[in-house]
Protein backbone atom coordinates (compact mmCIF):
# COMPACT_ATOMS: atom_id res chain seq x y z
CA UNK A 1 218.04 90.73 17.24
CA UNK A 2 218.26 93.89 15.15
CA UNK A 3 216.10 96.87 16.02
CA UNK A 4 213.03 97.23 13.76
CA UNK A 5 214.01 100.89 13.42
CA UNK A 6 217.82 100.99 13.17
CA UNK A 7 217.81 104.64 12.09
CA UNK A 8 215.54 105.66 14.99
CA UNK A 9 212.76 107.03 12.81
CA UNK A 10 209.20 106.46 14.05
CA UNK A 11 206.25 107.18 11.77
CA UNK A 12 202.50 106.89 11.69
CA UNK A 13 199.63 107.34 14.13
CA UNK A 14 201.42 105.18 16.73
CA UNK A 15 204.85 106.79 16.33
CA UNK A 16 205.05 107.72 20.02
CA UNK A 17 204.12 104.19 21.10
CA UNK A 18 206.89 102.87 18.84
CA UNK A 19 209.35 105.39 20.25
CA UNK A 20 208.58 104.36 23.84
CA UNK A 21 208.78 100.63 23.09
CA UNK A 22 212.25 99.19 23.88
CA UNK A 23 211.66 96.44 21.32
CA UNK A 24 211.50 99.09 18.62
CA UNK A 25 214.83 100.66 19.64
CA UNK A 26 218.50 99.68 19.75
CA UNK A 27 219.85 98.53 23.13
CA UNK A 28 220.56 101.32 25.58
CA UNK A 29 224.24 102.30 25.87
CA UNK A 30 226.57 100.28 28.07
CA UNK A 31 229.62 102.46 28.74
CA UNK A 32 232.83 101.57 30.56
CA UNK A 33 233.62 104.28 33.09
CA UNK A 34 237.02 106.02 32.88
CA UNK A 35 239.93 104.79 34.98
CA UNK A 36 239.75 108.01 37.01
CA UNK A 37 236.47 106.77 38.50
CA UNK A 38 237.53 103.13 38.87
CA UNK A 39 239.95 102.58 41.77
CA UNK A 40 240.05 98.86 41.02
CA UNK A 41 241.06 99.03 37.36
CA UNK A 42 244.60 97.89 38.15
CA UNK A 43 243.07 94.83 39.83
CA UNK A 44 241.41 93.72 36.60
CA UNK A 45 238.00 95.20 37.40
CA UNK A 46 236.14 96.80 34.49
CA UNK A 47 233.03 98.76 35.39
CA UNK A 48 230.25 99.54 32.91
CA UNK A 49 227.35 101.97 33.30
CA UNK A 50 224.02 100.80 31.88
CA UNK A 51 222.51 104.10 30.77
CA UNK A 52 218.80 103.71 31.45
CA UNK A 53 218.83 107.50 31.46
CA UNK A 54 218.85 107.15 27.65
CA UNK A 55 215.28 105.84 27.69
CA UNK A 56 212.78 108.28 26.10
CA UNK A 57 211.50 109.33 29.54
CA UNK A 58 215.12 109.51 30.79
CA UNK A 59 214.61 107.29 33.82
CA UNK A 60 214.65 103.64 34.85
CA UNK A 61 210.98 103.64 35.87
CA UNK A 62 209.67 104.05 32.35
CA UNK A 63 210.20 100.34 31.66
CA UNK A 64 207.94 99.06 34.46
CA UNK A 65 205.51 101.94 33.79
CA UNK A 66 205.12 100.74 30.19
CA UNK A 67 204.66 97.11 31.22
CA UNK A 68 202.20 97.96 34.00
CA UNK A 69 200.01 100.05 31.68
CA UNK A 70 200.08 97.40 28.96
CA UNK A 71 198.82 94.88 31.51
CA UNK A 72 195.90 97.13 32.44
CA UNK A 73 194.21 98.20 29.18
CA UNK A 74 191.16 99.44 31.09
CA UNK A 75 193.38 102.12 32.59
CA UNK A 76 192.93 104.22 29.48
CA UNK A 77 189.37 104.90 30.65
CA UNK A 78 190.19 105.32 34.36
CA UNK A 79 191.90 107.77 36.67
CA UNK A 80 195.43 106.48 37.20
CA UNK A 81 196.79 106.98 40.72
CA UNK A 82 200.29 106.19 41.97
CA UNK A 83 202.38 106.93 45.07
CA UNK A 84 205.71 107.99 43.63
CA UNK A 85 208.68 110.18 44.44
CA UNK A 86 208.73 111.29 40.83
CA UNK A 87 210.10 109.02 38.12
CA UNK A 88 207.39 106.34 38.14
CA UNK A 89 204.41 108.64 38.05
CA UNK A 90 206.08 110.92 35.49
CA UNK A 91 206.65 107.89 33.29
CA UNK A 92 203.06 106.74 33.75
CA UNK A 93 201.78 110.14 32.66
CA UNK A 94 204.06 110.35 29.61
CA UNK A 95 203.35 106.80 28.46
CA UNK A 96 199.59 106.93 29.10
CA UNK A 97 199.37 110.06 26.99
CA UNK A 98 201.48 108.52 24.22
CA UNK A 99 199.55 105.23 24.16
CA UNK A 100 196.00 106.45 24.64
CA UNK A 101 195.89 110.26 24.78
CA UNK A 102 195.17 109.80 28.50
CA UNK A 103 195.46 112.93 30.66
CA UNK A 104 194.13 111.90 34.08
CA UNK A 105 197.10 110.75 36.16
CA UNK A 106 197.28 111.66 39.85
CA UNK A 107 200.59 111.68 41.72
CA UNK A 108 200.35 111.08 45.46
CA UNK A 109 203.39 112.86 46.83
CA UNK A 110 204.77 113.69 50.26
CA UNK A 111 204.28 117.28 51.35
CA UNK A 112 208.03 117.30 52.11
CA UNK A 113 208.78 117.20 48.39
CA UNK A 114 210.86 120.08 47.07
CA UNK A 115 208.77 122.75 45.27
CA UNK A 116 210.85 122.28 42.11
CA UNK A 117 209.81 118.61 41.99
CA UNK A 118 206.16 119.55 42.40
CA UNK A 119 206.51 122.06 39.56
CA UNK A 120 208.12 119.36 37.42
CA UNK A 121 205.06 117.17 37.86
CA UNK A 122 202.76 120.02 36.89
CA UNK A 123 204.98 120.66 33.86
CA UNK A 124 204.26 117.09 32.69
CA UNK A 125 200.52 117.51 33.24
CA UNK A 126 200.16 115.55 36.47
CA UNK A 127 197.58 116.28 39.11
CA UNK A 128 199.38 116.24 42.46
CA UNK A 129 197.82 115.08 45.72
CA UNK A 130 199.93 115.73 48.82
CA UNK A 131 200.01 113.56 51.91
CA UNK A 132 201.52 114.25 55.31
CA UNK A 133 203.44 112.16 57.79
CA UNK A 134 206.42 109.99 56.92
CA UNK A 135 207.79 110.83 53.48
CA UNK A 136 208.97 107.32 52.50
CA UNK A 137 206.24 105.01 53.74
CA UNK A 138 206.24 101.22 53.85
CA UNK A 139 204.14 99.55 51.12
CA UNK A 140 202.74 97.11 53.69
CA UNK A 141 201.70 99.79 56.21
CA UNK A 142 197.91 99.54 56.48
CA UNK A 143 197.75 103.23 57.35
CA UNK A 144 200.19 104.24 54.63
CA UNK A 145 199.51 105.90 51.29
CA UNK A 146 200.01 102.71 49.23
CA UNK A 147 197.39 100.82 51.26
CA UNK A 148 194.96 103.71 50.90
CA UNK A 149 195.41 103.69 47.13
CA UNK A 150 194.89 99.92 46.97
CA UNK A 151 191.61 100.30 48.84
CA UNK A 152 190.58 103.20 46.61
CA UNK A 153 191.17 101.18 43.42
CA UNK A 154 189.35 98.16 44.88
CA UNK A 155 186.27 100.18 45.79
CA UNK A 156 186.09 102.61 42.86
CA UNK A 157 185.67 101.22 39.37
CA UNK A 158 186.95 104.40 37.76
CA UNK A 159 190.35 104.24 39.50
CA UNK A 160 193.43 102.30 38.36
CA UNK A 161 196.34 101.82 40.77
CA UNK A 162 199.29 100.25 38.90
CA UNK A 163 201.05 99.67 42.23
CA UNK A 164 204.75 99.74 41.47
CA UNK A 165 205.60 98.13 44.82
CA UNK A 166 203.27 95.16 44.22
CA UNK A 167 203.04 94.65 40.48
CA UNK A 168 204.97 91.73 39.01
CA UNK A 169 205.11 93.72 35.78
CA UNK A 170 207.63 95.96 37.54
CA UNK A 171 210.41 93.41 37.96
CA UNK A 172 209.42 91.45 34.85
CA UNK A 173 209.97 94.56 32.72
CA UNK A 174 213.62 94.52 33.77
CA UNK A 175 213.87 90.78 33.25
CA UNK A 176 212.53 91.27 29.74
CA UNK A 177 214.53 94.35 28.74
CA UNK A 178 217.34 95.44 31.09
CA UNK A 179 218.68 91.98 31.83
CA UNK A 180 218.26 90.81 28.25
CA UNK A 181 220.06 93.86 26.85
CA UNK A 182 223.01 93.53 29.22
CA UNK A 183 223.39 89.85 28.37
CA UNK A 184 223.39 90.60 24.65
CA UNK A 185 225.88 93.44 25.08
CA UNK A 186 228.22 91.89 27.65
CA UNK A 187 227.87 88.09 28.02
CA UNK A 188 231.14 88.12 29.99
CA UNK A 189 229.38 90.03 32.80
CA UNK A 190 230.34 88.83 36.29
CA UNK A 191 228.68 91.34 38.63
CA UNK A 192 225.48 93.36 38.43
CA UNK A 193 224.64 96.20 40.83
CA UNK A 194 221.60 98.46 41.24
CA UNK A 195 219.97 100.45 44.00
CA UNK A 196 216.92 99.08 45.77
CA UNK A 197 213.80 101.21 45.68
CA UNK A 198 210.84 99.07 44.70
CA UNK A 199 213.41 96.35 43.98
CA UNK A 200 212.12 95.84 40.45
CA UNK A 201 215.36 96.59 38.60
CA UNK A 202 217.73 94.52 40.74
CA UNK A 203 215.25 91.62 40.98
CA UNK A 204 214.28 91.41 37.30
CA UNK A 205 217.73 92.08 35.85
CA UNK A 206 219.27 89.66 38.31
CA UNK A 207 216.71 87.01 37.38
CA UNK A 208 217.61 87.19 33.68
CA UNK A 209 221.38 87.30 34.17
CA UNK A 210 221.37 84.44 36.67
CA UNK A 211 219.19 82.38 34.35
CA UNK A 212 221.76 82.85 31.58
CA UNK A 213 224.85 82.66 33.79
CA UNK A 214 224.30 81.41 37.36
CA UNK A 215 227.73 82.64 38.50
CA UNK A 216 226.74 86.30 38.12
CA UNK A 217 226.83 88.09 41.48
CA UNK A 218 224.14 90.69 42.20
CA UNK A 219 224.55 93.56 44.66
CA UNK A 220 221.56 95.53 45.96
CA UNK A 221 222.49 99.00 47.23
CA UNK A 222 220.41 100.68 49.92
CA UNK A 223 220.40 104.01 51.71
CA UNK A 224 221.76 104.20 55.22
CA UNK A 225 218.99 104.36 57.78
CA UNK A 226 218.09 108.01 58.40
CA UNK A 227 220.27 109.22 55.51
CA UNK A 228 218.08 108.84 52.42
CA UNK A 229 218.89 109.28 48.75
CA UNK A 230 215.92 110.05 46.46
CA UNK A 231 214.48 106.73 45.26
CA UNK A 232 216.37 103.93 47.08
CA UNK A 233 215.20 102.65 50.47
CA UNK A 234 217.00 101.28 53.49
CA UNK A 235 217.08 97.49 53.75
CA UNK A 236 214.59 97.09 56.57
CA UNK A 237 212.01 98.95 54.50
CA UNK A 238 212.49 96.61 51.56
CA UNK A 239 212.37 93.18 53.17
CA UNK A 240 208.57 92.91 52.96
CA UNK A 241 208.64 93.25 49.15
CA UNK A 242 206.58 90.54 47.40
CA UNK A 243 209.08 90.34 44.53
CA UNK A 244 211.30 87.23 44.25
CA UNK A 245 214.33 89.17 45.45
CA UNK A 246 215.80 86.59 47.81
CA UNK A 247 216.89 84.30 44.99
CA UNK A 248 218.05 87.16 42.81
CA UNK A 249 219.99 89.50 45.15
CA UNK A 250 223.15 87.97 46.62
CA UNK A 251 224.24 90.74 48.95
CA UNK A 252 223.22 94.22 50.15
CA UNK A 253 225.48 97.22 50.56
CA UNK A 254 224.50 100.57 52.10
CA UNK A 255 225.95 103.92 50.99
CA UNK A 256 225.74 107.38 52.55
CA UNK A 257 223.90 110.15 50.76
CA UNK A 258 226.99 112.37 50.57
CA UNK A 259 228.99 109.64 48.83
CA UNK A 260 226.08 108.98 46.45
CA UNK A 261 225.73 112.63 45.42
CA UNK A 262 229.49 113.06 45.06
CA UNK A 263 229.87 109.99 42.82
CA UNK A 264 226.92 111.12 40.71
CA UNK A 265 228.54 114.52 40.26
CA UNK A 266 231.83 112.92 39.20
CA UNK A 267 230.08 110.61 36.73
CA UNK A 268 228.20 113.57 35.27
CA UNK A 269 231.36 115.65 34.96
CA UNK A 270 232.91 112.83 32.94
CA UNK A 271 229.94 112.71 30.57
CA UNK A 272 227.86 109.94 32.16
CA UNK A 273 225.09 112.27 33.27
CA UNK A 274 223.08 110.68 36.03
CA UNK A 275 221.37 111.34 39.35
CA UNK A 276 222.30 110.50 42.95
CA UNK A 277 220.92 106.95 43.00
CA UNK A 278 223.27 106.15 40.11
CA UNK A 279 226.22 107.43 42.13
CA UNK A 280 224.96 105.36 45.04
CA UNK A 281 224.99 102.21 42.87
CA UNK A 282 228.58 102.86 41.76
CA UNK A 283 229.72 103.51 45.34
CA UNK A 284 228.04 100.33 46.55
CA UNK A 285 229.63 98.29 43.78
CA UNK A 286 233.12 99.64 44.47
CA UNK A 287 232.74 99.28 48.25
CA UNK A 288 231.69 95.65 47.92
CA UNK A 289 234.55 94.77 45.57
CA UNK A 290 237.08 96.61 47.74
CA UNK A 291 235.88 94.61 50.74
CA UNK A 292 236.30 91.41 48.71
CA UNK A 293 239.84 92.51 47.78
CA UNK A 294 240.68 93.23 51.42
CA UNK A 295 239.44 89.76 52.33
CA UNK A 296 241.49 88.16 49.55
CA UNK A 297 238.34 87.08 47.71
CA UNK A 298 238.34 89.34 44.63
CA UNK A 299 239.57 86.55 42.37
CA UNK A 300 236.38 84.62 43.08
CA UNK A 301 234.47 87.19 40.99
CA UNK A 302 236.77 86.99 37.97
CA UNK A 303 236.28 85.25 34.66
CA UNK A 304 238.37 82.05 34.79
CA UNK A 305 239.76 82.66 31.31
CA UNK A 306 240.43 86.38 31.14
CA UNK A 307 240.93 86.86 34.91
CA UNK A 308 238.99 90.10 34.56
CA UNK A 309 235.89 91.13 36.47
CA UNK A 310 233.21 92.79 34.33
CA UNK A 311 230.78 94.67 36.53
CA UNK A 312 227.65 96.59 35.46
CA UNK A 313 225.74 99.20 37.45
CA UNK A 314 222.60 101.11 36.53
CA UNK A 315 222.33 104.83 35.85
CA UNK A 316 218.70 105.37 36.75
CA UNK A 317 217.78 109.03 36.28
CA UNK A 318 219.18 112.52 35.69
CA UNK A 319 220.63 114.95 38.25
CA UNK A 320 218.90 118.19 37.36
CA UNK A 321 215.88 117.97 39.66
CA UNK A 322 218.16 117.40 42.66
CA UNK A 323 220.45 120.43 42.35
CA UNK A 324 219.54 121.90 45.74
CA UNK A 325 220.41 118.60 47.40
CA UNK A 326 223.81 118.41 45.70
CA UNK A 327 224.77 121.72 47.27
CA UNK A 328 223.45 120.57 50.64
CA UNK A 329 225.20 117.21 50.62
CA UNK A 330 228.57 118.15 49.11
CA UNK A 331 230.97 120.70 50.62
CA UNK A 332 231.30 123.97 48.75
CA UNK A 333 235.04 123.36 48.32
CA UNK A 334 234.22 120.59 45.84
CA UNK A 335 232.55 123.04 43.47
CA UNK A 336 234.46 125.51 41.29
CA UNK A 337 234.35 129.15 42.38
CA UNK A 338 232.15 131.89 40.95
CA UNK A 339 234.12 134.96 39.97
CA UNK A 340 232.65 138.47 40.01
CA UNK A 341 230.35 137.19 42.72
CA UNK A 342 229.48 140.75 43.73
CA UNK A 343 227.26 140.88 40.61
CA UNK A 344 224.89 138.44 42.31
CA UNK A 345 223.88 141.28 44.60
CA UNK A 346 223.67 144.31 42.31
CA UNK A 347 222.45 145.34 38.85
CA UNK A 348 219.74 142.65 38.92
CA UNK A 349 216.89 144.59 37.31
CA UNK A 350 216.17 143.29 33.78
CA UNK A 351 217.39 145.24 30.77
CA UNK A 352 215.01 145.43 27.81
CA UNK A 353 216.23 146.48 24.38
CA UNK A 354 212.84 148.04 23.70
CA UNK A 355 213.64 150.67 26.30
CA UNK A 356 216.68 151.96 24.40
CA UNK A 357 215.98 154.64 21.78
CA UNK A 358 218.07 156.14 19.02
CA UNK A 359 218.71 159.90 19.38
CA UNK A 360 216.20 160.52 16.58
CA UNK A 361 213.46 158.47 18.24
CA UNK A 362 214.23 160.03 21.60
CA UNK A 363 213.85 163.50 20.12
CA UNK A 364 210.47 162.57 18.66
CA UNK A 365 209.33 161.12 21.97
CA UNK A 366 210.31 164.34 23.74
CA UNK A 367 208.36 166.49 21.29
CA UNK A 368 211.11 167.40 18.89
CA UNK A 369 213.39 169.10 21.40
CA UNK A 370 216.64 170.64 20.24
CA UNK A 371 220.09 171.14 21.73
CA UNK A 372 220.38 174.12 24.03
CA UNK A 373 221.67 177.17 22.15
CA UNK A 374 223.76 178.52 25.04
CA UNK A 375 224.75 175.50 27.16
CA UNK A 376 227.35 177.27 29.29
CA UNK A 377 225.10 180.15 30.36
CA UNK A 378 221.57 178.83 29.96
CA UNK A 379 218.86 178.50 32.60
CA UNK A 380 217.94 174.89 31.75
CA UNK A 381 219.26 173.66 35.05
CA UNK A 382 218.76 176.77 37.19
CA UNK A 383 216.12 175.18 39.38
CA UNK A 384 218.19 172.08 39.98
CA UNK A 385 218.97 172.98 43.55
CA UNK A 386 221.10 170.81 45.84
CA UNK A 387 223.82 170.34 43.23
CA UNK A 388 226.14 167.42 43.67
CA UNK A 389 229.18 167.79 45.88
CA UNK A 390 232.46 168.18 44.04
CA UNK A 391 234.34 165.46 45.89
CA UNK A 392 232.85 162.16 44.71
CA UNK A 393 234.37 158.72 45.21
CA UNK A 394 236.03 157.42 42.06
CA UNK A 395 234.88 154.14 40.56
CA UNK A 396 237.07 151.36 41.94
CA UNK A 397 239.70 149.63 39.86
CA UNK A 398 239.34 145.91 39.17
CA UNK A 399 243.02 145.30 39.92
CA UNK A 400 243.57 143.97 43.39
CA UNK A 401 240.12 144.54 44.85
CA UNK A 402 238.12 147.65 45.75
CA UNK A 403 236.73 149.48 48.79
CA UNK A 404 233.40 147.72 48.08
CA UNK A 405 234.45 144.14 47.44
CA UNK A 406 237.85 142.54 47.83
CA UNK A 407 239.65 140.45 45.27
CA UNK A 408 237.69 137.19 44.56
CA UNK A 409 240.25 135.24 46.58
CA UNK A 410 239.23 137.10 49.73
CA UNK A 411 236.58 135.62 51.97
CA UNK A 412 235.22 138.74 53.68
CA UNK A 413 232.93 141.37 52.18
CA UNK A 414 233.26 144.78 53.89
CA UNK A 415 230.29 147.09 54.14
CA UNK A 416 230.36 149.47 51.15
CA UNK A 417 230.59 153.20 51.90
CA UNK A 418 227.53 155.40 51.57
CA UNK A 419 227.35 157.76 48.61
CA UNK A 420 226.16 161.35 49.19
CA UNK A 421 222.47 161.93 48.48
CA UNK A 422 221.62 163.85 45.33
CA UNK A 423 218.60 166.08 44.86
CA UNK A 424 216.93 166.18 41.45
CA UNK A 425 214.41 168.27 39.63
CA UNK A 426 211.07 169.06 41.13
CA UNK A 427 208.51 168.39 38.37
CA UNK A 428 205.99 170.62 40.10
CA UNK A 429 208.09 173.73 39.31
CA UNK A 430 206.35 176.23 37.03
CA UNK A 431 209.22 176.31 34.58
CA UNK A 432 208.93 172.56 34.15
CA UNK A 433 205.17 172.64 33.74
CA UNK A 434 205.66 174.67 30.57
CA UNK A 435 207.44 171.75 28.90
CA UNK A 436 205.91 168.58 27.53
CA UNK A 437 205.25 165.36 29.37
CA UNK A 438 208.84 164.07 29.07
CA UNK A 439 211.51 164.57 31.71
CA UNK A 440 215.05 164.60 30.30
CA UNK A 441 217.71 163.59 32.80
CA UNK A 442 221.31 164.10 31.72
CA UNK A 443 223.64 162.11 33.99
CA UNK A 444 226.92 163.18 32.37
CA UNK A 445 229.52 165.02 34.46
CA UNK A 446 228.90 168.73 34.94
CA UNK A 447 231.65 169.88 32.56
CA UNK A 448 230.25 167.75 29.73
CA UNK A 449 226.75 169.10 30.43
CA UNK A 450 228.08 172.68 30.33
CA UNK A 451 229.62 172.06 26.94
CA UNK A 452 226.43 170.75 25.29
CA UNK A 453 223.05 169.42 26.36
CA UNK A 454 219.43 169.20 25.28
CA UNK A 455 217.11 172.12 25.96
CA UNK A 456 215.58 171.90 29.47
CA UNK A 457 217.53 168.74 30.29
CA UNK A 458 218.25 168.48 33.98
CA UNK A 459 221.79 167.63 34.93
CA UNK A 460 222.24 164.93 37.55
CA UNK A 461 226.01 164.57 37.32
CA UNK A 462 227.47 161.16 38.04
CA UNK A 463 231.16 160.39 38.21
CA UNK A 464 232.87 159.97 34.82
CA UNK A 465 231.92 156.70 33.20
CA UNK A 466 234.76 154.17 32.80
CA UNK A 467 235.37 152.88 29.30
CA UNK A 468 233.40 149.62 28.84
CA UNK A 469 232.51 149.51 32.50
CA UNK A 470 230.28 146.47 32.01
CA UNK A 471 233.54 144.56 31.51
CA UNK A 472 234.61 145.47 35.05
CA UNK A 473 232.46 143.86 37.77
CA UNK A 474 233.65 146.27 40.44
CA UNK A 475 232.91 149.29 38.26
CA UNK A 476 229.42 147.89 37.57
CA UNK A 477 228.75 147.62 41.26
CA UNK A 478 230.07 151.11 41.97
CA UNK A 479 227.91 152.61 39.22
CA UNK A 480 224.85 150.70 40.43
CA UNK A 481 225.32 151.94 43.98
CA UNK A 482 225.80 155.49 42.75
CA UNK A 483 222.61 155.39 40.65
CA UNK A 484 220.69 153.76 43.49
CA UNK A 485 221.62 156.64 45.77
CA UNK A 486 220.60 159.16 43.11
CA UNK A 487 217.20 157.57 42.64
CA UNK A 488 216.71 157.42 46.37
CA UNK A 489 217.66 161.07 46.92
CA UNK A 490 215.30 163.21 49.01
CA UNK A 491 214.16 165.40 46.08
CA UNK A 492 213.63 162.62 43.59
CA UNK A 493 210.06 162.84 42.26
CA UNK A 494 207.57 160.44 43.78
CA UNK A 495 206.47 157.35 41.88
CA UNK A 496 203.02 158.81 41.21
CA UNK A 497 204.48 161.95 39.63
CA UNK A 498 206.93 160.04 37.48
CA UNK A 499 204.33 157.56 36.25
CA UNK A 500 202.51 160.49 34.68
CA UNK A 501 205.57 161.40 32.60
CA UNK A 502 208.13 159.65 30.49
CA UNK A 503 211.75 159.85 31.55
CA UNK A 504 214.57 160.06 29.02
CA UNK A 505 218.03 159.31 30.44
CA UNK A 506 221.18 160.45 28.67
CA UNK A 507 224.79 159.66 29.52
CA UNK A 508 228.25 159.55 27.99
CA UNK A 509 227.88 156.22 26.15
CA UNK A 510 224.39 154.84 26.80
CA UNK A 511 225.59 152.23 29.32
CA UNK A 512 224.83 154.15 32.52
CA UNK A 513 221.53 155.23 30.99
CA UNK A 514 220.53 151.62 30.41
CA UNK A 515 221.36 150.73 34.00
CA UNK A 516 219.35 153.67 35.37
CA UNK A 517 216.41 152.89 33.09
CA UNK A 518 216.34 149.27 34.25
CA UNK A 519 216.23 150.48 37.85
CA UNK A 520 213.51 153.04 37.10
CA UNK A 521 211.42 150.52 35.17
CA UNK A 522 211.62 148.15 38.13
CA UNK A 523 210.05 150.96 40.17
CA UNK A 524 207.20 151.45 37.71
CA UNK A 525 208.61 154.48 35.89
CA UNK A 526 208.21 154.74 32.10
CA UNK A 527 211.86 155.40 31.31
CA UNK A 528 213.97 155.17 28.17
CA UNK A 529 217.72 155.28 27.57
CA UNK A 530 219.20 157.26 24.70
CA UNK A 531 221.64 155.09 22.75
CA UNK A 532 225.20 156.08 21.98
CA UNK A 533 227.23 159.09 22.98
CA UNK A 534 225.64 162.49 23.31
CA UNK A 535 225.47 164.14 19.93
CA UNK A 536 226.30 160.86 18.18
CA UNK A 537 230.04 161.16 18.87
């Protein structure tokens, strides 16, 4: 049957309801995975990913959420409550708002949930209610969260509990849509595989496929006991499900969390972007078929005519909300390296273009100051006691490492050397009090300052600035450390004194000035960098 909206345009007051309705959309993609991810391709096994991640809410749970809400029209006037690890309750909130403008959905979530997941729920407008104890509780546990919500909905007229673990609309949604779509797209299907959370997807899809083709084998994939993957359960926690799973799931396969996350990452890297339960489904499918091959039984799954085995697994959600877990479950050697890693620990204060001024604007800000008329013999800097030592460490070269950080291939990070402390102007000096409320700090080397500088600018000489030093990670770090030591020098004005005055910072190119200004701004100082080279050269 053709989609009522083949060009995917949805109009009118119910455009969102149309958009969320699978009957108003083309079938979701069914994509054969590349041979690189299919170790059984040479054995005639073809594996297809059913991309339920392409649903408008980007997760498998939006189908049962839609069906459950449609079956409870009174819910639009009630508080909707659901115990969910994320996808179901997010889908309920999105769909309830699209159907009815409903904004009162409460997610009952374990207090062990990652803060990023809790923020995600708030982002989608959900009210979150935390519960303690076991994170993944049994639906039949009389003391568990699902039982408490059932009792709440039974006793309070204003509460609707869709009940994803109990509602027949859950598995029937997949019988109606997921199973029907796969049959239309791939009638030669021989094997269907999905993870088992509520059991709705594997039960409903299996029911439709088996009704159309009884020879279809269905594989339910579970987490290993004590090694959970977000969403799926272990088998013993599923067996009390009221869904008709026994006649629709032929065999169960468990998969470790590390294998699930790794397979999900590989699928995503190949363009089939999906979360860990999707990787778990693929691993379970391959493990089961490999076991059948080892037992000499793989041919029993094949189409009698083509001799091929066409297997489908479900991609259920996206990986982004699980990033912390990927880096916990998978060894760091399986991720590409980060180069210039030293920049993760320095130069982190934000740069703001509004804090960079043209020479003309800087001059106006400083009260129209002019260049010093006798730079080599003036008294502008006479009260700048504690001048910098002559012997300063040179900025490190990026070739072959540095005294601060080794080459990226090295694994050890030596302690960087200390820079000498630098004293700066004392803004309480009488000579300074005669000037305006702007401090001018010139951080060019001493010889450049002696050649030309602004009147009453104080010289805080740094080492010569490398050309385009922002292109050299080691030079950036060296400059940052040097400026940090300058700002922390014993005669640097206190924060209270500096907050009463503006600070203008000048350097050879404007780059070091921007870095110093970012550091000063982070300390509450009203500082500005002067753009370009001194004198506009």
